[in-house]
N, C-alpha and C. Protein backbone atom coordinates (compact mmCIF):
# COMPACT_ATOMS: atom_id res chain seq x y z
N UNK A 1 -46.78 92.43 -15.89
CA UNK A 1 -45.79 91.41 -15.65
C UNK A 1 -45.07 92.55 -14.51
N UNK A 2 -44.80 92.08 -13.21
CA UNK A 2 -43.87 92.48 -12.48
C UNK A 2 -42.51 93.65 -13.03
N UNK A 3 -42.62 94.60 -12.00
CA UNK A 3 -41.61 95.65 -12.61
C UNK A 3 -40.17 95.44 -12.99
N UNK A 4 -39.86 94.13 -12.17
CA UNK A 4 -38.30 93.95 -12.39
C UNK A 4 -38.07 92.88 -13.51
N UNK A 5 -38.73 92.74 -14.39
CA UNK A 5 -38.84 92.29 -15.40
C UNK A 5 -38.80 92.95 -16.74
N UNK A 6 -38.29 94.27 -16.80
CA UNK A 6 -38.59 95.37 -17.78
C UNK A 6 -38.49 94.66 -19.38
N UNK A 7 -37.57 93.93 -19.18
CA UNK A 7 -37.39 93.25 -20.80
C UNK A 7 -38.36 92.43 -21.31
N UNK A 8 -39.07 91.59 -20.55
CA UNK A 8 -40.16 90.80 -20.69
C UNK A 8 -41.44 91.35 -20.86
N UNK A 9 -41.51 92.66 -19.93
CA UNK A 9 -43.22 93.38 -19.97
C UNK A 9 -42.63 93.95 -21.55
N UNK A 10 -41.48 94.81 -21.92
CA UNK A 10 -41.35 95.29 -23.13
C UNK A 10 -41.86 94.37 -24.31
N UNK A 11 -41.22 93.14 -24.25
CA UNK A 11 -41.28 92.20 -25.25
C UNK A 11 -42.68 91.56 -25.00
N UNK A 12 -43.62 91.53 -24.12
CA UNK A 12 -44.96 91.36 -24.15
C UNK A 12 -45.65 92.34 -24.75
N UNK A 13 -45.35 93.67 -24.56
CA UNK A 13 -46.44 94.77 -25.22
C UNK A 13 -45.80 94.95 -26.63
N UNK A 14 -44.96 94.34 -27.09
CA UNK A 14 -44.43 94.41 -28.35
C UNK A 14 -45.14 93.45 -29.18
N UNK A 15 -45.50 92.29 -28.29
CA UNK A 15 -45.83 91.03 -29.10
C UNK A 15 -47.51 90.92 -28.94
N UNK A 16 -48.12 91.98 -28.65
CA UNK A 16 -49.78 91.92 -28.09
C UNK A 16 -50.45 91.63 -29.52
N UNK A 17 -50.93 91.05 -28.82
CA UNK A 17 -51.91 90.28 -29.99
C UNK A 17 -51.33 89.29 -31.04
N UNK A 18 -49.89 88.59 -30.40
CA UNK A 18 -49.18 87.85 -31.13
C UNK A 18 -49.95 86.35 -31.12
N UNK A 19 -50.46 85.88 -32.39
CA UNK A 19 -51.19 84.53 -32.11
C UNK A 19 -50.69 83.42 -31.87
N UNK A 20 -49.32 83.19 -32.16
CA UNK A 20 -48.59 82.14 -31.69
C UNK A 20 -48.55 82.14 -30.24
N UNK A 21 -48.15 83.36 -29.72
CA UNK A 21 -48.05 83.42 -28.11
C UNK A 21 -49.30 82.93 -27.33
N UNK A 22 -50.22 83.39 -28.08
CA UNK A 22 -51.76 83.30 -27.36
C UNK A 22 -52.11 81.76 -27.83
N UNK A 23 -51.62 80.94 -28.54
CA UNK A 23 -51.62 79.84 -28.65
C UNK A 23 -51.02 79.10 -27.85
N UNK A 24 -49.89 79.68 -27.51
CA UNK A 24 -48.98 78.66 -26.33
C UNK A 24 -49.86 78.67 -24.92
N UNK A 25 -49.89 79.80 -24.49
CA UNK A 25 -51.08 80.34 -23.56
C UNK A 25 -52.18 79.36 -23.27
N UNK A 26 -53.00 79.39 -24.54
CA UNK A 26 -54.29 78.36 -24.33
C UNK A 26 -53.66 77.27 -24.25
N UNK A 27 -52.52 76.96 -25.07
CA UNK A 27 -52.52 75.33 -24.94
C UNK A 27 -52.25 75.24 -23.06
N UNK A 28 -51.40 75.58 -22.55
CA UNK A 28 -50.84 75.68 -21.31
C UNK A 28 -52.19 75.32 -20.08
N UNK A 29 -53.23 76.46 -20.69
CA UNK A 29 -54.08 76.55 -19.74
C UNK A 29 -55.16 75.04 -20.01
N UNK A 30 -55.28 74.58 -21.35
CA UNK A 30 -55.98 73.51 -21.39
C UNK A 30 -55.04 72.22 -20.88
N UNK A 31 -53.65 72.28 -21.20
CA UNK A 31 -52.71 71.16 -20.42
C UNK A 31 -53.07 71.03 -19.12
N UNK A 32 -53.07 72.46 -17.94
CA UNK A 32 -53.42 72.47 -16.59
C UNK A 32 -54.61 71.58 -16.21
N UNK A 33 -55.51 71.69 -16.89
CA UNK A 33 -56.81 70.67 -16.84
C UNK A 33 -56.51 69.26 -17.23
N UNK A 34 -56.13 69.07 -18.32
CA UNK A 34 -55.58 67.49 -18.53
C UNK A 34 -54.70 66.63 -18.08
N UNK A 35 -53.31 67.37 -17.70
CA UNK A 35 -52.48 66.77 -17.01
C UNK A 35 -51.69 67.29 -15.90
N UNK A 36 -52.12 68.58 -15.36
CA UNK A 36 -51.74 69.58 -14.41
C UNK A 36 -50.25 70.06 -14.34
N UNK A 37 -49.79 70.85 -14.00
CA UNK A 37 -48.71 71.74 -13.88
C UNK A 37 -47.24 70.61 -13.90
N UNK A 38 -47.28 69.78 -12.96
CA UNK A 38 -45.86 69.13 -13.09
C UNK A 38 -45.81 67.90 -13.76
N UNK A 39 -46.96 67.45 -14.67
CA UNK A 39 -46.82 66.46 -15.53
C UNK A 39 -46.82 66.98 -16.94
N UNK A 40 -47.18 68.23 -17.08
CA UNK A 40 -46.76 68.64 -18.87
C UNK A 40 -45.72 68.92 -18.75
N UNK A 41 -45.28 69.06 -20.07
CA UNK A 41 -43.62 69.31 -20.28
C UNK A 41 -43.90 70.77 -21.66
N UNK A 42 -42.71 71.26 -21.75
CA UNK A 42 -42.48 72.08 -22.89
C UNK A 42 -42.93 71.32 -24.07
N UNK A 43 -42.49 70.20 -24.34
CA UNK A 43 -42.86 69.40 -25.72
C UNK A 43 -44.52 69.32 -25.63
N UNK A 44 -45.07 68.93 -24.75
CA UNK A 44 -46.79 68.90 -24.62
C UNK A 44 -46.87 70.30 -25.11
N UNK A 45 -46.72 71.41 -24.49
CA UNK A 45 -47.05 72.55 -25.10
C UNK A 45 -46.74 73.06 -26.19
N UNK A 46 -45.88 72.67 -26.58
CA UNK A 46 -45.17 73.14 -28.21
C UNK A 46 -45.71 72.20 -29.16
N UNK A 47 -46.08 71.28 -29.00
CA UNK A 47 -47.12 70.08 -29.61
C UNK A 47 -48.82 70.82 -30.03
N UNK A 48 -49.15 70.91 -28.52
CA UNK A 48 -50.46 71.66 -28.43
C UNK A 48 -50.65 72.58 -29.42
N UNK A 49 -49.51 73.86 -29.07
CA UNK A 49 -49.59 74.89 -30.19
C UNK A 49 -49.13 74.86 -31.47
N UNK A 50 -48.66 73.55 -31.79
CA UNK A 50 -48.55 73.36 -33.42
C UNK A 50 -47.16 74.09 -33.40
N UNK A 51 -46.54 74.04 -32.73
CA UNK A 51 -45.10 74.52 -33.15
C UNK A 51 -43.92 73.83 -32.51
N UNK A 52 -42.65 74.03 -32.83
CA UNK A 52 -41.53 72.78 -32.37
C UNK A 52 -40.88 73.33 -31.09
N UNK A 53 -40.53 72.52 -30.23
CA UNK A 53 -40.03 72.95 -28.79
C UNK A 53 -38.85 74.60 -29.08
N UNK A 54 -38.03 74.33 -30.19
CA UNK A 54 -37.63 75.17 -30.64
C UNK A 54 -38.19 76.82 -30.83
N UNK A 55 -39.00 76.50 -31.50
CA UNK A 55 -40.10 77.66 -31.96
C UNK A 55 -40.79 78.44 -30.33
N UNK A 56 -40.79 77.62 -29.56
CA UNK A 56 -41.45 77.86 -28.25
C UNK A 56 -40.63 78.56 -27.00
N UNK A 57 -39.45 78.06 -27.23
CA UNK A 57 -38.10 78.77 -26.63
C UNK A 57 -37.96 80.19 -26.85
N UNK A 58 -38.00 80.39 -28.53
CA UNK A 58 -38.18 81.69 -28.55
C UNK A 58 -38.73 82.92 -27.84
N UNK A 59 -39.92 81.99 -27.56
CA UNK A 59 -40.92 82.64 -26.65
C UNK A 59 -40.86 82.72 -25.36
N UNK A 60 -40.76 81.57 -24.54
CA UNK A 60 -40.44 81.27 -23.14
C UNK A 60 -39.13 80.46 -22.71
N UNK A 61 -38.86 80.99 -21.83
CA UNK A 61 -37.50 80.01 -21.24
C UNK A 61 -37.67 78.60 -20.88
N UNK A 62 -39.16 78.22 -20.25
CA UNK A 62 -39.12 77.25 -19.95
C UNK A 62 -40.69 77.10 -19.62
N UNK A 63 -40.97 76.01 -19.11
CA UNK A 63 -42.59 75.82 -18.86
C UNK A 63 -42.99 76.52 -17.54
N UNK A 64 -42.05 77.03 -16.57
CA UNK A 64 -42.34 77.95 -15.63
C UNK A 64 -42.81 79.40 -16.28
N UNK A 65 -42.15 79.63 -17.20
CA UNK A 65 -42.46 81.04 -17.62
C UNK A 65 -43.65 81.01 -18.37
N UNK A 66 -44.01 79.93 -19.19
CA UNK A 66 -45.00 79.82 -19.83
C UNK A 66 -46.45 79.90 -18.76
N UNK A 67 -46.27 79.52 -17.90
CA UNK A 67 -47.20 79.36 -16.58
C UNK A 67 -47.29 80.82 -16.06
N UNK A 68 -46.26 81.40 -15.81
CA UNK A 68 -46.02 82.50 -15.27
C UNK A 68 -46.77 83.69 -15.93
N UNK A 69 -46.59 83.87 -17.50
CA UNK A 69 -47.39 84.46 -18.66
C UNK A 69 -48.86 84.09 -18.61
N UNK A 70 -49.17 83.01 -18.27
CA UNK A 70 -50.66 82.54 -18.46
C UNK A 70 -51.34 83.29 -17.27
N UNK A 71 -50.63 83.00 -16.12
CA UNK A 71 -51.54 83.87 -14.76
C UNK A 71 -51.37 85.22 -15.16
N UNK A 72 -50.39 85.77 -15.50
CA UNK A 72 -50.45 87.26 -15.48
C UNK A 72 -51.23 87.55 -16.56
N UNK A 73 -51.52 86.68 -17.80
CA UNK A 73 -52.64 87.35 -18.60
C UNK A 73 -54.00 87.05 -17.81
N UNK A 74 -54.13 86.35 -17.12
CA UNK A 74 -55.34 86.15 -16.17
C UNK A 74 -55.57 86.68 -15.27
N UNK A 75 -54.44 87.74 -14.39
CA UNK A 75 -54.87 87.98 -13.31
C UNK A 75 -54.79 89.79 -13.76
N UNK A 76 -55.08 89.82 -15.05
CA UNK A 76 -54.84 91.38 -15.65
C UNK A 76 -56.35 91.53 -15.77
N UNK A 77 -57.35 90.74 -15.99
CA UNK A 77 -58.54 91.06 -16.02
C UNK A 77 -58.81 91.26 -14.37
N UNK A 78 -58.44 90.22 -13.54
CA UNK A 78 -59.00 91.00 -11.97
C UNK A 78 -58.42 92.28 -11.67
N UNK A 79 -57.34 92.76 -12.31
CA UNK A 79 -56.90 93.95 -12.03
C UNK A 79 -57.88 95.20 -12.75
N UNK A 80 -58.18 94.80 -13.88
CA UNK A 80 -59.53 95.78 -14.49
C UNK A 80 -60.69 95.76 -13.52
N UNK A 81 -61.28 94.47 -12.96
CA UNK A 81 -62.22 94.20 -12.34
C UNK A 81 -62.04 94.97 -11.00
N UNK A 82 -60.75 95.20 -10.34
CA UNK A 82 -60.80 95.80 -8.94
C UNK A 82 -60.74 97.37 -9.51
N UNK A 83 -60.11 97.84 -10.16
CA UNK A 83 -60.26 99.13 -10.69
C UNK A 83 -61.94 99.59 -10.59
N UNK A 84 -62.41 99.20 -11.37
CA UNK A 84 -63.74 98.97 -11.89
C UNK A 84 -64.51 99.22 -10.62
N UNK A 85 -64.16 98.08 -9.63
CA UNK A 85 -65.06 98.48 -8.24
C UNK A 85 -64.65 99.63 -7.28
N UNK A 86 -63.41 100.04 -7.25
CA UNK A 86 -63.01 101.02 -6.55
C UNK A 86 -63.31 102.17 -6.97
N UNK A 87 -64.07 102.72 -8.73
CA UNK A 87 -64.30 103.67 -8.72
C UNK A 87 -65.64 103.50 -8.74
N UNK A 88 -66.62 102.66 -8.46
CA UNK A 88 -67.75 102.63 -8.32
C UNK A 88 -68.73 103.55 -7.11
N UNK A 89 -69.63 104.54 -7.32
CA UNK A 89 -69.94 105.11 -6.40
C UNK A 89 -70.47 104.70 -5.21
N UNK A 90 -71.55 103.75 -5.79
CA UNK A 90 -72.84 103.24 -5.08
C UNK A 90 -72.25 101.99 -4.36
N UNK A 91 -72.21 101.98 -2.91
CA UNK A 91 -71.41 101.06 -2.36
C UNK A 91 -71.87 99.48 -2.59
N UNK A 92 -73.26 99.31 -2.69
CA UNK A 92 -73.71 98.09 -2.61
C UNK A 92 -73.84 97.75 -4.14
N UNK A 93 -73.82 98.51 -5.05
CA UNK A 93 -73.79 98.37 -6.35
C UNK A 93 -72.33 97.69 -6.80
N UNK A 94 -71.24 98.43 -6.08
CA UNK A 94 -69.82 98.07 -6.20
C UNK A 94 -69.86 96.67 -5.92
N UNK A 95 -70.43 96.29 -4.75
CA UNK A 95 -70.30 94.98 -4.40
C UNK A 95 -70.69 94.09 -4.80
N UNK A 96 -72.02 94.27 -5.53
CA UNK A 96 -72.90 93.20 -6.06
C UNK A 96 -71.70 93.18 -7.49
N UNK A 97 -71.50 94.07 -8.13
CA UNK A 97 -70.66 93.99 -9.60
C UNK A 97 -69.50 93.12 -9.35
N UNK A 98 -68.73 93.78 -8.14
CA UNK A 98 -67.04 93.19 -8.19
C UNK A 98 -67.55 91.41 -7.87
N UNK A 99 -68.39 91.06 -7.20
CA UNK A 99 -68.84 89.42 -6.81
C UNK A 99 -68.88 88.87 -8.26
N UNK A 100 -69.75 89.33 -8.88
CA UNK A 100 -70.41 89.10 -10.15
C UNK A 100 -69.32 88.86 -11.06
N UNK A 101 -68.66 90.01 -11.37
CA UNK A 101 -67.09 89.61 -12.35
C UNK A 101 -66.09 88.68 -11.79
N UNK A 102 -66.05 88.56 -10.33
CA UNK A 102 -65.27 87.71 -9.71
C UNK A 102 -65.77 86.24 -9.83
N UNK A 103 -67.04 85.91 -9.91
CA UNK A 103 -67.38 84.97 -10.41
C UNK A 103 -67.33 84.32 -11.67
N UNK A 104 -67.09 85.28 -12.55
CA UNK A 104 -67.62 85.15 -14.23
C UNK A 104 -65.68 84.37 -14.58
N UNK A 105 -64.85 85.32 -13.78
CA UNK A 105 -63.84 85.28 -14.25
C UNK A 105 -62.98 83.78 -13.68
N UNK A 106 -63.57 83.30 -12.61
CA UNK A 106 -63.06 82.04 -11.87
C UNK A 106 -63.97 81.17 -12.49
N UNK A 107 -65.10 81.27 -13.31
CA UNK A 107 -65.69 80.35 -13.74
C UNK A 107 -64.83 80.22 -15.27
N UNK A 108 -64.50 81.09 -16.15
CA UNK A 108 -63.82 81.02 -17.23
C UNK A 108 -62.47 80.24 -16.95
N UNK A 109 -61.76 80.66 -15.72
CA UNK A 109 -60.18 80.32 -15.43
C UNK A 109 -59.75 79.95 -14.17
N UNK A 110 -60.67 79.45 -13.48
CA UNK A 110 -60.57 78.78 -12.30
C UNK A 110 -59.23 78.10 -12.16
N UNK A 111 -59.01 77.21 -13.32
CA UNK A 111 -57.72 76.18 -12.97
C UNK A 111 -56.62 77.15 -12.96
N UNK A 112 -56.60 78.07 -13.80
CA UNK A 112 -55.17 79.44 -13.75
C UNK A 112 -55.45 79.80 -12.50
N UNK A 113 -56.35 80.32 -11.94
CA UNK A 113 -56.23 80.77 -10.41
C UNK A 113 -55.98 79.93 -9.38
N UNK A 114 -56.37 78.70 -9.49
CA UNK A 114 -55.82 77.65 -8.49
C UNK A 114 -54.64 77.42 -8.72
N UNK A 115 -54.05 77.35 -9.76
CA UNK A 115 -52.45 77.17 -9.87
C UNK A 115 -51.77 78.44 -9.32
N UNK A 116 -51.87 79.42 -9.71
CA UNK A 116 -51.59 80.76 -9.21
C UNK A 116 -51.31 80.55 -7.64
N UNK A 117 -52.38 79.93 -6.98
CA UNK A 117 -52.44 80.27 -5.67
C UNK A 117 -51.51 78.94 -5.12
N UNK A 118 -51.54 77.89 -5.88
CA UNK A 118 -50.67 76.62 -5.87
C UNK A 118 -49.48 77.34 -5.66
N UNK A 119 -48.72 77.75 -6.62
CA UNK A 119 -47.40 78.18 -7.05
C UNK A 119 -46.94 79.37 -6.55
N UNK A 120 -47.86 80.21 -5.58
CA UNK A 120 -47.21 81.65 -5.11
C UNK A 120 -46.23 81.32 -4.45
N UNK A 121 -46.13 80.62 -3.50
CA UNK A 121 -45.37 80.18 -2.36
C UNK A 121 -44.17 79.66 -2.96
N UNK A 122 -43.82 79.06 -4.20
CA UNK A 122 -42.84 78.54 -4.59
C UNK A 122 -42.09 79.19 -5.81
N UNK A 123 -43.06 79.61 -6.86
CA UNK A 123 -42.77 80.78 -8.09
C UNK A 123 -42.58 82.06 -7.69
N UNK A 124 -41.63 82.74 -7.58
CA UNK A 124 -41.51 84.13 -6.87
C UNK A 124 -42.27 84.99 -7.72
N UNK A 125 -41.86 85.03 -9.14
CA UNK A 125 -42.90 85.80 -10.36
C UNK A 125 -44.62 85.53 -9.99
N UNK A 126 -44.76 84.48 -9.79
CA UNK A 126 -46.30 84.04 -9.52
C UNK A 126 -46.79 84.71 -8.39
N UNK A 127 -45.76 84.34 -7.19
CA UNK A 127 -46.13 85.23 -5.73
C UNK A 127 -46.09 86.38 -5.62
N UNK A 128 -45.45 87.12 -6.64
CA UNK A 128 -45.77 88.68 -7.13
C UNK A 128 -46.75 89.34 -7.65
N UNK A 129 -47.15 88.43 -8.81
CA UNK A 129 -48.68 88.60 -9.16
C UNK A 129 -49.73 88.73 -8.63
N UNK A 130 -49.62 87.32 -7.73
CA UNK A 130 -50.96 87.30 -6.83
C UNK A 130 -51.15 88.25 -5.74
N UNK A 131 -49.73 88.60 -4.82
CA UNK A 131 -49.59 89.40 -4.20
C UNK A 131 -50.05 90.96 -4.48
N UNK A 132 -49.95 91.07 -6.21
CA UNK A 132 -50.13 92.34 -6.35
C UNK A 132 -51.74 92.46 -6.70
N UNK A 133 -51.96 91.41 -7.01
CA UNK A 133 -53.53 91.15 -7.37
C UNK A 133 -54.35 91.62 -6.27
N UNK A 134 -53.57 90.54 -4.80
CA UNK A 134 -54.58 90.66 -3.53
C UNK A 134 -54.44 92.15 -3.32
N UNK A 135 -53.55 92.90 -3.27
CA UNK A 135 -53.40 94.19 -2.59
C UNK A 135 -54.29 95.20 -3.64
N UNK A 136 -54.31 95.02 -5.08
CA UNK A 136 -55.49 95.75 -5.52
C UNK A 136 -57.09 95.44 -5.08
N UNK A 137 -57.24 94.34 -4.96
CA UNK A 137 -58.41 93.46 -4.49
C UNK A 137 -58.72 94.52 -3.16
N UNK A 138 -57.47 94.45 -2.15
CA UNK A 138 -58.01 95.01 -0.92
C UNK A 138 -57.97 96.40 -1.01
N UNK A 139 -57.27 97.14 -2.02
CA UNK A 139 -57.49 98.35 -1.96
C UNK A 139 -59.23 98.97 -2.23
N UNK A 140 -59.57 98.09 -3.35
CA UNK A 140 -60.80 98.04 -3.98
C UNK A 140 -61.75 98.19 -2.57
N UNK A 141 -61.50 97.09 -2.04
CA UNK A 141 -62.77 96.72 -0.69
C UNK A 141 -62.86 97.81 -0.10
N UNK A 142 -61.53 98.22 0.40
CA UNK A 142 -61.24 99.37 1.58
C UNK A 142 -62.18 100.60 0.94
N UNK A 143 -62.00 100.91 -0.38
CA UNK A 143 -62.90 101.81 -0.90
C UNK A 143 -64.24 102.09 -1.04
N UNK A 144 -64.59 100.57 -1.00
CA UNK A 144 -65.90 100.68 -1.11
C UNK A 144 -66.65 100.67 0.68
N UNK A 145 -65.72 99.94 1.51
CA UNK A 145 -66.04 99.96 2.76
C UNK A 145 -66.24 101.60 3.53
N UNK A 146 -65.19 102.54 2.78
CA UNK A 146 -64.89 103.60 3.55
C UNK A 146 -66.30 104.45 3.00
N UNK A 147 -66.45 104.30 1.81
CA UNK A 147 -68.02 105.03 1.06
C UNK A 147 -69.07 104.57 1.73
N UNK A 148 -69.39 103.23 2.42
CA UNK A 148 -70.60 102.86 3.11
C UNK A 148 -70.41 103.45 4.54
N UNK A 149 -69.27 103.94 5.03
CA UNK A 149 -69.03 104.53 6.07
C UNK A 149 -68.41 104.05 7.44
N UNK A 150 -67.67 103.14 7.05
CA UNK A 150 -66.54 102.22 7.74
C UNK A 150 -65.29 103.35 8.02
N UNK A 151 -64.98 103.38 9.15
CA UNK A 151 -63.74 104.29 9.34
C UNK A 151 -62.66 103.84 8.61
N UNK A 152 -61.80 104.50 8.13
CA UNK A 152 -60.43 104.36 7.64
C UNK A 152 -59.30 104.29 8.38
N UNK A 153 -58.82 103.42 7.98
CA UNK A 153 -57.33 103.36 9.35
C UNK A 153 -57.06 101.67 9.12
N UNK A 154 -56.21 101.11 9.92
CA UNK A 154 -55.99 99.86 9.99
C UNK A 154 -56.17 99.10 11.59
N UNK A 155 -56.67 99.61 12.16
CA UNK A 155 -57.12 99.18 13.52
C UNK A 155 -58.15 97.94 13.28
N UNK A 156 -58.18 96.92 13.62
CA UNK A 156 -59.02 95.65 13.47
C UNK A 156 -60.43 96.26 13.02
N UNK A 157 -61.35 97.26 13.59
CA UNK A 157 -62.65 97.74 12.98
C UNK A 157 -62.47 98.50 11.74
N UNK A 158 -61.51 98.96 11.58
CA UNK A 158 -61.34 99.63 10.79
C UNK A 158 -61.06 99.21 9.14
N UNK A 159 -61.56 99.94 7.95
CA UNK A 159 -61.63 99.62 6.87
C UNK A 159 -60.62 98.55 6.03
N UNK A 160 -59.36 99.23 6.32
CA UNK A 160 -58.18 98.30 5.56
C UNK A 160 -58.12 97.08 6.50
N UNK A 161 -57.99 96.77 7.37
CA UNK A 161 -57.91 95.69 7.97
C UNK A 161 -58.97 94.62 7.91
N UNK A 162 -60.20 95.25 7.55
CA UNK A 162 -61.60 94.64 7.70
C UNK A 162 -61.27 93.87 6.27
N UNK A 163 -61.11 94.84 4.87
CA UNK A 163 -60.47 94.64 3.68
C UNK A 163 -59.34 93.40 3.32
N UNK A 164 -58.71 93.68 4.13
CA UNK A 164 -57.95 92.53 3.92
C UNK A 164 -58.14 91.27 4.23
N UNK A 165 -59.10 91.29 5.39
CA UNK A 165 -59.42 89.76 5.83
C UNK A 165 -60.73 89.14 4.82
N UNK A 166 -61.52 90.02 4.61
CA UNK A 166 -62.44 89.96 3.38
C UNK A 166 -62.00 89.31 1.92
N UNK A 167 -60.85 90.27 1.72
CA UNK A 167 -59.98 89.85 0.51
C UNK A 167 -59.77 88.05 0.51
N UNK A 168 -59.01 87.93 1.57
CA UNK A 168 -58.19 86.36 2.00
C UNK A 168 -59.40 85.11 2.00
N UNK A 169 -60.67 85.66 2.40
CA UNK A 169 -61.91 84.96 2.72
C UNK A 169 -62.50 84.58 1.48
N UNK A 170 -62.30 85.59 0.42
CA UNK A 170 -63.06 85.27 -0.77
C UNK A 170 -62.36 84.80 -1.42
N UNK A 171 -60.80 85.13 -1.11
CA UNK A 171 -59.91 84.02 -2.33
C UNK A 171 -59.93 82.49 -2.06
N UNK A 172 -59.74 82.11 -0.69
CA UNK A 172 -60.05 80.86 -0.33
C UNK A 172 -61.10 80.39 -0.14
N UNK A 173 -62.52 80.72 -0.49
CA UNK A 173 -63.67 80.40 -0.52
C UNK A 173 -64.17 79.94 -1.74
N UNK A 174 -63.39 81.13 -2.71
CA UNK A 174 -63.64 80.51 -4.48
C UNK A 174 -62.49 79.51 -4.41
N UNK A 175 -61.48 79.09 -4.20
CA UNK A 175 -60.65 78.39 -4.37
C UNK A 175 -61.17 76.81 -4.52
N UNK A 176 -61.94 76.95 -3.20
CA UNK A 176 -62.51 75.49 -2.89
C UNK A 176 -63.72 75.39 -3.59
N UNK A 177 -64.37 76.34 -3.87
CA UNK A 177 -65.72 76.31 -4.53
C UNK A 177 -65.70 75.86 -5.94
N UNK A 178 -65.03 76.62 -6.27
CA UNK A 178 -64.45 76.66 -8.33
C UNK A 178 -64.12 74.91 -8.07
N UNK A 179 -63.87 74.53 -7.40
CA UNK A 179 -63.25 73.00 -7.86
C UNK A 179 -64.47 72.06 -7.65
N UNK A 180 -65.82 72.86 -7.11
CA UNK A 180 -66.83 71.62 -6.96
C UNK A 180 -67.74 71.92 -8.51
N UNK A 181 -68.50 72.98 -8.35
CA UNK A 181 -69.41 72.97 -9.73
C UNK A 181 -69.74 74.69 -9.79
N UNK A 182 -70.28 75.09 -10.94
CA UNK A 182 -70.77 76.66 -10.83
C UNK A 182 -71.08 77.08 -9.71
N UNK A 183 -72.77 75.94 -9.38
CA UNK A 183 -73.59 76.15 -8.69
C UNK A 183 -73.07 76.48 -7.03
N UNK A 184 -72.14 75.37 -7.07
CA UNK A 184 -71.20 75.89 -5.80
C UNK A 184 -70.49 77.28 -5.41
N UNK A 185 -69.91 77.65 -6.55
CA UNK A 185 -69.33 78.76 -6.64
C UNK A 185 -70.39 80.14 -6.43
N UNK A 186 -71.24 80.09 -7.24
CA UNK A 186 -72.38 80.94 -7.11
C UNK A 186 -72.87 80.86 -5.43
N UNK A 187 -72.96 79.96 -5.17
CA UNK A 187 -73.36 80.01 -3.84
C UNK A 187 -72.33 80.82 -2.90
N UNK A 188 -71.49 80.25 -3.07
CA UNK A 188 -69.88 80.51 -2.29
C UNK A 188 -69.79 82.37 -2.39
N UNK A 189 -70.29 82.56 -3.77
CA UNK A 189 -70.27 84.08 -4.07
C UNK A 189 -70.98 84.79 -3.22
N UNK A 190 -72.60 84.10 -2.92
CA UNK A 190 -73.21 84.80 -2.47
C UNK A 190 -73.11 84.84 -1.14
N UNK A 191 -72.52 83.91 -0.08
CA UNK A 191 -72.22 83.94 0.68
C UNK A 191 -71.23 85.29 1.25
N UNK A 192 -70.20 85.13 0.40
CA UNK A 192 -69.23 86.22 0.45
C UNK A 192 -69.49 87.74 0.35
N UNK A 193 -70.66 87.82 -0.26
CA UNK A 193 -71.06 89.13 -0.77
C UNK A 193 -71.85 89.52 0.35
N UNK A 194 -73.09 88.45 1.02
CA UNK A 194 -73.56 88.75 2.27
C UNK A 194 -72.61 89.34 3.28
N UNK A 195 -71.63 88.40 3.36
CA UNK A 195 -70.60 89.19 4.83
C UNK A 195 -69.97 90.41 4.35
N UNK A 196 -69.36 90.74 2.99
CA UNK A 196 -68.96 91.89 2.67
C UNK A 196 -69.99 93.13 2.66
N UNK A 197 -71.60 92.90 2.78
CA UNK A 197 -72.42 93.86 2.56
C UNK A 197 -72.88 94.17 4.44
N UNK A 198 -72.83 92.88 5.07
CA UNK A 198 -72.88 93.09 6.65
C UNK A 198 -71.98 93.77 7.29
N UNK A 199 -70.56 93.39 6.91
CA UNK A 199 -69.24 94.38 7.25
C UNK A 199 -69.43 95.80 6.91
N UNK A 200 -69.78 95.92 5.42
CA UNK A 200 -70.17 97.64 5.43
C UNK A 200 -71.56 98.17 6.21
N UNK A 201 -72.21 97.26 6.91
CA UNK A 201 -73.20 97.68 7.49
C UNK A 201 -74.46 98.11 6.21
N UNK A 202 -74.52 97.47 5.32
CA UNK A 202 -75.28 97.45 4.07
C UNK A 202 -76.32 96.34 4.29
N UNK A 203 -76.53 95.39 4.88
CA UNK A 203 -76.95 94.22 4.64
C UNK A 203 -78.31 94.32 5.27
N UNK A 204 -79.42 94.11 4.27
CA UNK A 204 -81.14 94.03 4.40
C UNK A 204 -81.50 92.69 5.33
């Protein structure tokens, strides 16, 4: 979670593996698909998790807090994928692995990812989580481009600037493709991978 919520972060650590909190977040994710963020209520979440509203408020102060925690849980997987990508030595393999892992996460949790994007401008905590996620992904893409021989730097033709554009291209492409089908998402991923390889001078 963002560093400006140390108490929440500590509580999250202390409750790691807590089955009730996991049930709340799993229910919230299911309700996003069934009702959507605006229509679902704290009562819906509590009922789905098999607890009272009062019990839910022991864990979270509002529906928004539940969704923030759900987004945090989901993007942690993206953070791990970004670190793995940045540490992979062979650029071509790093790109292929990064795109495949990202497809898997969007297939599993695409609705949460789209909700995070939708709410990132209006819910500051989600905005910070998503911005941090993008920064990590940009750093990973930059590292891959530099290992492929692209010059380091922030000029338009240099690695950092190219990585930023690639990151947001991938985000928007996945956002739309994930709403259609797994096949569409896989195809969109292949296109993004080709563009990334081309940018790195690795396309065959």
